Amino acid sequence: MSGPGEGKIKLGKADVYIHLKGKSGASVTHVDIELPELNEIIKSGENTYVGGKRGGVFLGLKKDMINRAERFKK
């Protein structure tokens, strides 16, 4: 976990949940990261990938997502 740094834009504080299969409509157990600002980068219905890193995870972005992220202003 590297924290704040040059070239990083803080989006806000996310709510993170383990969503259990069979509860609240989940067909498989998964992790929900809920932060409205993420929808400005990753649109509803789009898919990406996630990887583990020391202290957390990272979301890999596809070309369209990268373009939106690079235009993001907080």
PDB file of N, CA and C in Angstrom:
ATOM      1  N   MET A   1       0.857  -1.163   0.000  1.00  0.00           N
ATOM      2  CA  MET A   1       0.000   0.000   0.000  1.00  0.00           C
ATOM      3  C   MET A   1       0.903   1.225   0.000  1.00  0.00           C
ATOM      4  N   SER A   2       0.748   2.068  -1.017  1.00  0.00           N
ATOM      5  CA  SER A   2       1.679   3.187  -1.142  1.00  0.00           C
ATOM      6  C   SER A   2       1.079   4.526  -0.728  1.00  0.00           C
ATOM      7  N   GLY A   3      -0.231   4.638  -0.598  1.00  0.00           N
ATOM      8  CA  GLY A   3      -0.850   5.876  -0.142  1.00  0.00           C
ATOM      9  C   GLY A   3      -0.791   6.995  -1.170  1.00  0.00           C
ATOM     10  N   PRO A   4      -1.007   8.244  -0.718  1.00  0.00           N
ATOM     11  CA  PRO A   4      -1.027   9.380  -1.625  1.00  0.00           C
ATOM     12  C   PRO A   4       0.311   9.566  -2.332  1.00  0.00           C
ATOM     13  N   GLY A   5       0.264  10.155  -3.511  1.00  0.00           N
ATOM     14  CA  GLY A   5       1.501  10.409  -4.231  1.00  0.00           C
ATOM     15  C   GLY A   5       1.247  11.171  -5.510  1.00  0.00           C
ATOM     16  N   GLU A   6       2.324  11.600  -6.143  1.00  0.00           N
ATOM     17  CA  GLU A   6       2.234  12.336  -7.394  1.00  0.00           C
ATOM     18  C   GLU A   6       1.497  11.508  -8.437  1.00  0.00           C
ATOM     19  N   GLY A   7       0.572  12.145  -9.136  1.00  0.00           N
ATOM     20  CA  GLY A   7      -0.187  11.453 -10.175  1.00  0.00           C
ATOM     21  C   GLY A   7      -1.363  10.647  -9.660  1.00  0.00           C
ATOM     22  N   LYS A   8      -1.682  10.747  -8.378  1.00  0.00           N
ATOM     23  CA  LYS A   8      -2.823  10.032  -7.815  1.00  0.00           C
ATOM     24  C   LYS A   8      -3.922  11.017  -7.467  1.00  0.00           C
ATOM     25  N   ILE A   9      -5.156  10.705  -7.844  1.00  0.00           N
ATOM     26  CA  ILE A   9      -6.319  11.526  -7.541  1.00  0.00           C
ATOM     27  C   ILE A   9      -7.202  10.743  -6.584  1.00  0.00           C
ATOM     28  N   LYS A  10      -7.419  11.262  -5.399  1.00  0.00           N
ATOM     29  CA  LYS A  10      -8.272  10.575  -4.422  1.00  0.00           C
ATOM     30  C   LYS A  10      -9.729  10.735  -4.839  1.00  0.00           C
ATOM     31  N   LEU A  11     -10.443   9.611  -4.981  1.00  0.00           N
ATOM     32  CA  LEU A  11     -11.840   9.645  -5.395  1.00  0.00           C
ATOM     33  C   LEU A  11     -12.794   9.798  -4.230  1.00  0.00           C
ATOM     34  N   GLY A  12     -12.453   9.313  -3.092  1.00  0.00           N
ATOM     35  CA  GLY A  12     -13.350   9.362  -1.943  1.00  0.00           C
ATOM     36  C   GLY A  12     -13.203   8.099  -1.126  1.00  0.00           C
ATOM     37  N   LYS A  13     -14.117   7.906  -0.222  1.00  0.00           N
ATOM     38  CA  LYS A  13     -14.098   6.710   0.626  1.00  0.00           C
ATOM     39  C   LYS A  13     -15.168   5.745   0.142  1.00  0.00           C
ATOM     40  N   ALA A  14     -14.752   4.574  -0.236  1.00  0.00           N
ATOM     41  CA  ALA A  14     -15.667   3.561  -0.766  1.00  0.00           C
ATOM     42  C   ALA A  14     -16.238   2.710   0.362  1.00  0.00           C
ATOM     43  N   ASP A  15     -17.454   2.227   0.144  1.00  0.00           N
ATOM     44  CA  ASP A  15     -18.026   1.190   0.994  1.00  0.00           C
ATOM     45  C   ASP A  15     -17.697  -0.136   0.323  1.00  0.00           C
ATOM     46  N   VAL A  16     -17.089  -1.044   1.078  1.00  0.00           N
ATOM     47  CA  VAL A  16     -16.659  -2.332   0.537  1.00  0.00           C
ATOM     48  C   VAL A  16     -17.348  -3.435   1.330  1.00  0.00           C
ATOM     49  N   TYR A  17     -17.984  -4.359   0.606  1.00  0.00           N
ATOM     50  CA  TYR A  17     -18.758  -5.428   1.237  1.00  0.00           C
ATOM     51  C   TYR A  17     -18.413  -6.777   0.630  1.00  0.00           C
ATOM     52  N   ILE A  18     -18.433  -7.827   1.451  1.00  0.00           N
ATOM     53  CA  ILE A  18     -18.487  -9.192   0.936  1.00  0.00           C
ATOM     54  C   ILE A  18     -19.971  -9.490   0.790  1.00  0.00           C
ATOM     55  N   HIS A  19     -20.404  -9.739  -0.430  1.00  0.00           N
ATOM     56  CA  HIS A  19     -21.820  -9.975  -0.745  1.00  0.00           C
ATOM     57  C   HIS A  19     -22.002 -11.483  -0.905  1.00  0.00           C
ATOM     58  N   LEU A  20     -22.690 -12.098   0.027  1.00  0.00           N
ATOM     59  CA  LEU A  20     -22.829 -13.551   0.090  1.00  0.00           C
ATOM     60  C   LEU A  20     -23.861 -14.079  -0.895  1.00  0.00           C
ATOM     61  N   LYS A  21     -23.521 -15.196  -1.514  1.00  0.00           N
ATOM     62  CA  LYS A  21     -24.429 -15.882  -2.437  1.00  0.00           C
ATOM     63  C   LYS A  21     -25.768 -16.147  -1.758  1.00  0.00           C
ATOM     64  N   GLY A  22     -26.842 -15.852  -2.485  1.00  0.00           N
ATOM     65  CA  GLY A  22     -28.183 -16.121  -1.971  1.00  0.00           C
ATOM     66  C   GLY A  22     -28.756 -15.005  -1.111  1.00  0.00           C
ATOM     67  N   LYS A  23     -27.980 -13.989  -0.834  1.00  0.00           N
ATOM     68  CA  LYS A  23     -28.439 -12.865  -0.019  1.00  0.00           C
ATOM     69  C   LYS A  23     -28.510 -11.610  -0.887  1.00  0.00           C
ATOM     70  N   SER A  24     -29.568 -10.836  -0.732  1.00  0.00           N
ATOM     71  CA  SER A  24     -29.745  -9.572  -1.466  1.00  0.00           C
ATOM     72  C   SER A  24     -29.546  -9.734  -2.968  1.00  0.00           C
ATOM     73  N   GLY A  25     -29.974 -10.871  -3.501  1.00  0.00           N
ATOM     74  CA  GLY A  25     -29.953 -11.085  -4.950  1.00  0.00           C
ATOM     75  C   GLY A  25     -28.649 -11.572  -5.544  1.00  0.00           C
ATOM     76  N   ALA A  26     -27.645 -11.899  -4.733  1.00  0.00           N
ATOM     77  CA  ALA A  26     -26.358 -12.355  -5.268  1.00  0.00           C
ATOM     78  C   ALA A  26     -26.439 -13.808  -5.718  1.00  0.00           C
ATOM     79  N   SER A  27     -26.022 -14.063  -6.980  1.00  0.00           N
ATOM     80  CA  SER A  27     -26.002 -15.449  -7.473  1.00  0.00           C
ATOM     81  C   SER A  27     -24.677 -16.130  -7.169  1.00  0.00           C
ATOM     82  N   VAL A  28     -23.634 -15.357  -6.892  1.00  0.00           N
ATOM     83  CA  VAL A  28     -22.335 -15.877  -6.433  1.00  0.00           C
ATOM     84  C   VAL A  28     -21.803 -14.920  -5.370  1.00  0.00           C
ATOM     85  N   THR A  29     -20.989 -15.420  -4.472  1.00  0.00           N
ATOM     86  CA  THR A  29     -20.344 -14.562  -3.486  1.00  0.00           C
ATOM     87  C   THR A  29     -19.299 -13.717  -4.196  1.00  0.00           C
ATOM     88  N   HIS A  30     -19.282 -12.419  -3.883  1.00  0.00           N
ATOM     89  CA  HIS A  30     -18.351 -11.499  -4.535  1.00  0.00           C
ATOM     90  C   HIS A  30     -18.086 -10.309  -3.620  1.00  0.00           C
ATOM     91  N   VAL A  31     -17.180  -9.452  -4.018  1.00  0.00           N
ATOM     92  CA  VAL A  31     -16.879  -8.231  -3.274  1.00  0.00           C
ATOM     93  C   VAL A  31     -17.492  -7.055  -4.025  1.00  0.00           C
ATOM     94  N   ASP A  32     -18.278  -6.234  -3.329  1.00  0.00           N
ATOM     95  CA  ASP A  32     -18.842  -5.000  -3.878  1.00  0.00           C
ATOM     96  C   ASP A  32     -18.000  -3.827  -3.405  1.00  0.00           C
ATOM     97  N   ILE A  33     -17.596  -2.978  -4.336  1.00  0.00           N
ATOM     98  CA  ILE A  33     -16.943  -1.709  -4.012  1.00  0.00           C
ATOM     99  C   ILE A  33     -17.911  -0.634  -4.467  1.00  0.00           C
ATOM    100  N   GLU A  34     -18.499   0.068  -3.533  1.00  0.00           N
ATOM    101  CA  GLU A  34     -19.531   1.050  -3.857  1.00  0.00           C
ATOM    102  C   GLU A  34     -18.987   2.459  -3.657  1.00  0.00           C
ATOM    103  N   LEU A  35     -18.841   3.158  -4.771  1.00  0.00           N
ATOM    104  CA  LEU A  35     -18.346   4.530  -4.792  1.00  0.00           C
ATOM    105  C   LEU A  35     -18.836   5.159  -6.086  1.00  0.00           C
ATOM    106  N   PRO A  36     -19.816   6.068  -6.009  1.00  0.00           N
ATOM    107  CA  PRO A  36     -20.404   6.624  -7.230  1.00  0.00           C
ATOM    108  C   PRO A  36     -19.389   7.168  -8.235  1.00  0.00           C
ATOM    109  N   GLU A  37     -18.287   7.742  -7.751  1.00  0.00           N
ATOM    110  CA  GLU A  37     -17.276   8.287  -8.659  1.00  0.00           C
ATOM    111  C   GLU A  37     -16.678   7.236  -9.586  1.00  0.00           C
ATOM    112  N   LEU A  38     -16.681   5.977  -9.160  1.00  0.00           N
ATOM    113  CA  LEU A  38     -16.154   4.911 -10.028  1.00  0.00           C
ATOM    114  C   LEU A  38     -16.966   4.784 -11.313  1.00  0.00           C
ATOM    115  N   ASN A  39     -18.268   5.109 -11.250  1.00  0.00           N
ATOM    116  CA  ASN A  39     -19.110   5.014 -12.444  1.00  0.00           C
ATOM    117  C   ASN A  39     -18.795   6.084 -13.480  1.00  0.00           C
ATOM    118  N   GLU A  40     -17.997   7.079 -13.116  1.00  0.00           N
ATOM    119  CA  GLU A  40     -17.530   8.050 -14.100  1.00  0.00           C
ATOM    120  C   GLU A  40     -16.374   7.479 -14.912  1.00  0.00           C
ATOM    121  N   ILE A  41     -15.769   6.401 -14.416  1.00  0.00           N
ATOM    122  CA  ILE A  41     -14.646   5.748 -15.091  1.00  0.00           C
ATOM    123  C   ILE A  41     -15.084   4.410 -15.678  1.00  0.00           C
ATOM    124  N   ILE A  42     -15.726   3.596 -14.866  1.00  0.00           N
ATOM    125  CA  ILE A  42     -16.224   2.280 -15.295  1.00  0.00           C
ATOM    126  C   ILE A  42     -17.740   2.379 -15.333  1.00  0.00           C
ATOM    127  N   LYS A  43     -18.294   2.370 -16.528  1.00  0.00           N
ATOM    128  CA  LYS A  43     -19.740   2.523 -16.705  1.00  0.00           C
ATOM    129  C   LYS A  43     -20.466   1.238 -16.309  1.00  0.00           C
ATOM    130  N   SER A  44     -21.705   1.381 -15.875  1.00  0.00           N
ATOM    131  CA  SER A  44     -22.528   0.235 -15.513  1.00  0.00           C
ATOM    132  C   SER A  44     -22.578  -0.750 -16.675  1.00  0.00           C
ATOM    133  N   GLY A  45     -22.312  -2.014 -16.406  1.00  0.00           N
ATOM    134  CA  GLY A  45     -22.327  -3.053 -17.426  1.00  0.00           C
ATOM    135  C   GLY A  45     -20.974  -3.332 -18.046  1.00  0.00           C
ATOM    136  N   GLU A  46     -19.995  -2.440 -17.880  1.00  0.00           N
ATOM    137  CA  GLU A  46     -18.652  -2.695 -18.399  1.00  0.00           C
ATOM    138  C   GLU A  46     -17.909  -3.644 -17.461  1.00  0.00           C
ATOM    139  N   ASN A  47     -16.976  -4.377 -18.022  1.00  0.00           N
ATOM    140  CA  ASN A  47     -16.171  -5.298 -17.224  1.00  0.00           C
ATOM    141  C   ASN A  47     -14.704  -4.925 -17.321  1.00  0.00           C
ATOM    142  N   THR A  48     -13.987  -5.227 -16.255  1.00  0.00           N
ATOM    143  CA  THR A  48     -12.553  -4.992 -16.204  1.00  0.00           C
ATOM    144  C   THR A  48     -11.942  -6.139 -15.403  1.00  0.00           C
ATOM    145  N   TYR A  49     -10.711  -5.998 -14.991  1.00  0.00           N
ATOM    146  CA  TYR A  49     -10.108  -7.050 -14.182  1.00  0.00           C
ATOM    147  C   TYR A  49      -9.539  -6.445 -12.910  1.00  0.00           C
ATOM    148  N   VAL A  50      -9.316  -7.299 -11.937  1.00  0.00           N
ATOM    149  CA  VAL A  50      -8.776  -6.862 -10.651  1.00  0.00           C
ATOM    150  C   VAL A  50      -7.560  -7.729 -10.329  1.00  0.00           C
ATOM    151  N   GLY A  51      -6.595  -7.134  -9.686  1.00  0.00           N
ATOM    152  CA  GLY A  51      -5.405  -7.863  -9.253  1.00  0.00           C
ATOM    153  C   GLY A  51      -5.095  -7.511  -7.814  1.00  0.00           C
ATOM    154  N   GLY A  52      -4.448  -8.411  -7.155  1.00  0.00           N
ATOM    155  CA  GLY A  52      -4.055  -8.151  -5.780  1.00  0.00           C
ATOM    156  C   GLY A  52      -2.747  -7.385  -5.728  1.00  0.00           C
ATOM    157  N   LYS A  53      -2.602  -6.568  -4.708  1.00  0.00           N
ATOM    158  CA  LYS A  53      -1.343  -5.886  -4.447  1.00  0.00           C
ATOM    159  C   LYS A  53      -1.182  -5.760  -2.943  1.00  0.00           C
ATOM    160  N   ARG A  54       0.000  -5.487  -2.505  1.00  0.00           N
ATOM    161  CA  ARG A  54       0.264  -5.358  -1.072  1.00  0.00           C
ATOM    162  C   ARG A  54      -0.665  -4.292  -0.482  1.00  0.00           C
ATOM    163  N   GLY A  55      -1.482  -4.669   0.477  1.00  0.00           N
ATOM    164  CA  GLY A  55      -2.363  -3.739   1.165  1.00  0.00           C
ATOM    165  C   GLY A  55      -3.696  -3.496   0.484  1.00  0.00           C
ATOM    166  N   GLY A  56      -3.997  -4.184  -0.622  1.00  0.00           N
ATOM    167  CA  GLY A  56      -5.275  -3.952  -1.284  1.00  0.00           C
ATOM    168  C   GLY A  56      -5.353  -4.608  -2.645  1.00  0.00           C
ATOM    169  N   VAL A  57      -6.051  -3.965  -3.561  1.00  0.00           N
ATOM    170  CA  VAL A  57      -6.229  -4.469  -4.921  1.00  0.00           C
ATOM    171  C   VAL A  57      -6.097  -3.297  -5.898  1.00  0.00           C
ATOM    172  N   PHE A  58      -5.922  -3.610  -7.175  1.00  0.00           N
ATOM    173  CA  PHE A  58      -5.978  -2.583  -8.203  1.00  0.00           C
ATOM    174  C   PHE A  58      -6.979  -3.026  -9.250  1.00  0.00           C
ATOM    175  N   LEU A  59      -7.609  -2.055  -9.901  1.00  0.00           N
ATOM    176  CA  LEU A  59      -8.531  -2.326 -10.999  1.00  0.00           C
ATOM    177  C   LEU A  59      -7.822  -1.984 -12.294  1.00  0.00           C
ATOM    178  N   GLY A  60      -7.665  -2.968 -13.160  1.00  0.00           N
ATOM    179  CA  GLY A  60      -7.089  -2.713 -14.469  1.00  0.00           C
ATOM    180  C   GLY A  60      -8.145  -2.078 -15.357  1.00  0.00           C
ATOM    181  N   LEU A  61      -7.760  -1.099 -16.151  1.00  0.00           N
ATOM    182  CA  LEU A  61      -8.718  -0.373 -16.973  1.00  0.00           C
ATOM    183  C   LEU A  61      -8.488  -0.633 -18.458  1.00  0.00           C
ATOM    184  N   LYS A  62      -9.594  -0.727 -19.195  1.00  0.00           N
ATOM    185  CA  LYS A  62      -9.543  -0.841 -20.654  1.00  0.00           C
ATOM    186  C   LYS A  62      -9.411   0.557 -21.249  1.00  0.00           C
ATOM    187  N   LYS A  63      -9.109   0.614 -22.545  1.00  0.00           N
ATOM    188  CA  LYS A  63      -8.789   1.883 -23.206  1.00  0.00           C
ATOM    189  C   LYS A  63      -9.828   2.981 -22.961  1.00  0.00           C
ATOM    190  N   ASP A  64     -11.115   2.700 -23.152  1.00  0.00           N
ATOM    191  CA  ASP A  64     -12.156   3.718 -22.926  1.00  0.00           C
ATOM    192  C   ASP A  64     -12.172   4.180 -21.472  1.00  0.00           C
ATOM    193  N   MET A  65     -11.960   3.248 -20.559  1.00  0.00           N
ATOM    194  CA  MET A  65     -11.936   3.582 -19.133  1.00  0.00           C
ATOM    195  C   MET A  65     -10.728   4.456 -18.808  1.00  0.00           C
ATOM    196  N   ILE A  66      -9.597   4.139 -19.408  1.00  0.00           N
ATOM    197  CA  ILE A  66      -8.382   4.936 -19.203  1.00  0.00           C
ATOM    198  C   ILE A  66      -8.618   6.365 -19.670  1.00  0.00           C
ATOM    199  N   ASN A  67      -9.230   6.512 -20.840  1.00  0.00           N
ATOM    200  CA  ASN A  67      -9.521   7.856 -21.356  1.00  0.00           C
ATOM    201  C   ASN A  67     -10.407   8.640 -20.389  1.00  0.00           C
ATOM    202  N   ARG A  68     -11.433   7.995 -19.846  1.00  0.00           N
ATOM    203  CA  ARG A  68     -12.315   8.680 -18.882  1.00  0.00           C
ATOM    204  C   ARG A  68     -11.560   9.008 -17.598  1.00  0.00           C
ATOM    205  N   ALA A  69     -10.728   8.081 -17.132  1.00  0.00           N
ATOM    206  CA  ALA A  69      -9.970   8.303 -15.894  1.00  0.00           C
ATOM    207  C   ALA A  69      -8.992   9.459 -16.053  1.00  0.00           C
ATOM    208  N   GLU A  70      -8.363   9.556 -17.224  1.00  0.00           N
ATOM    209  CA  GLU A  70      -7.372  10.608 -17.437  1.00  0.00           C
ATOM    210  C   GLU A  70      -8.029  11.986 -17.563  1.00  0.00           C
ATOM    211  N   ARG A  71      -9.300  12.035 -17.851  1.00  0.00           N
ATOM    212  CA  ARG A  71     -10.032  13.312 -17.918  1.00  0.00           C
ATOM    213  C   ARG A  71     -10.694  13.648 -16.587  1.00  0.00           C
ATOM    214  N   PHE A  72     -10.676  12.711 -15.639  1.00  0.00           N
ATOM    215  CA  PHE A  72     -11.377  12.886 -14.369  1.00  0.00           C
ATOM    216  C   PHE A  72     -10.756  14.028 -13.569  1.00  0.00           C
ATOM    217  N   LYS A  73     -11.593  14.896 -13.114  1.00  0.00           N
ATOM    218  CA  LYS A  73     -11.149  16.002 -12.260  1.00  0.00           C
ATOM    219  C   LYS A  73     -11.924  15.916 -10.955  1.00  0.00           C
ATOM    220  N   LYS A  74     -11.260  16.046  -9.872  1.00  0.00           N
ATOM    221  CA  LYS A  74     -11.894  16.022  -8.544  1.00  0.00           C
ATOM    222  C   LYS A  74     -11.925  17.405  -7.992  1.00  0.00           C
TER     223      LYS A  74
END
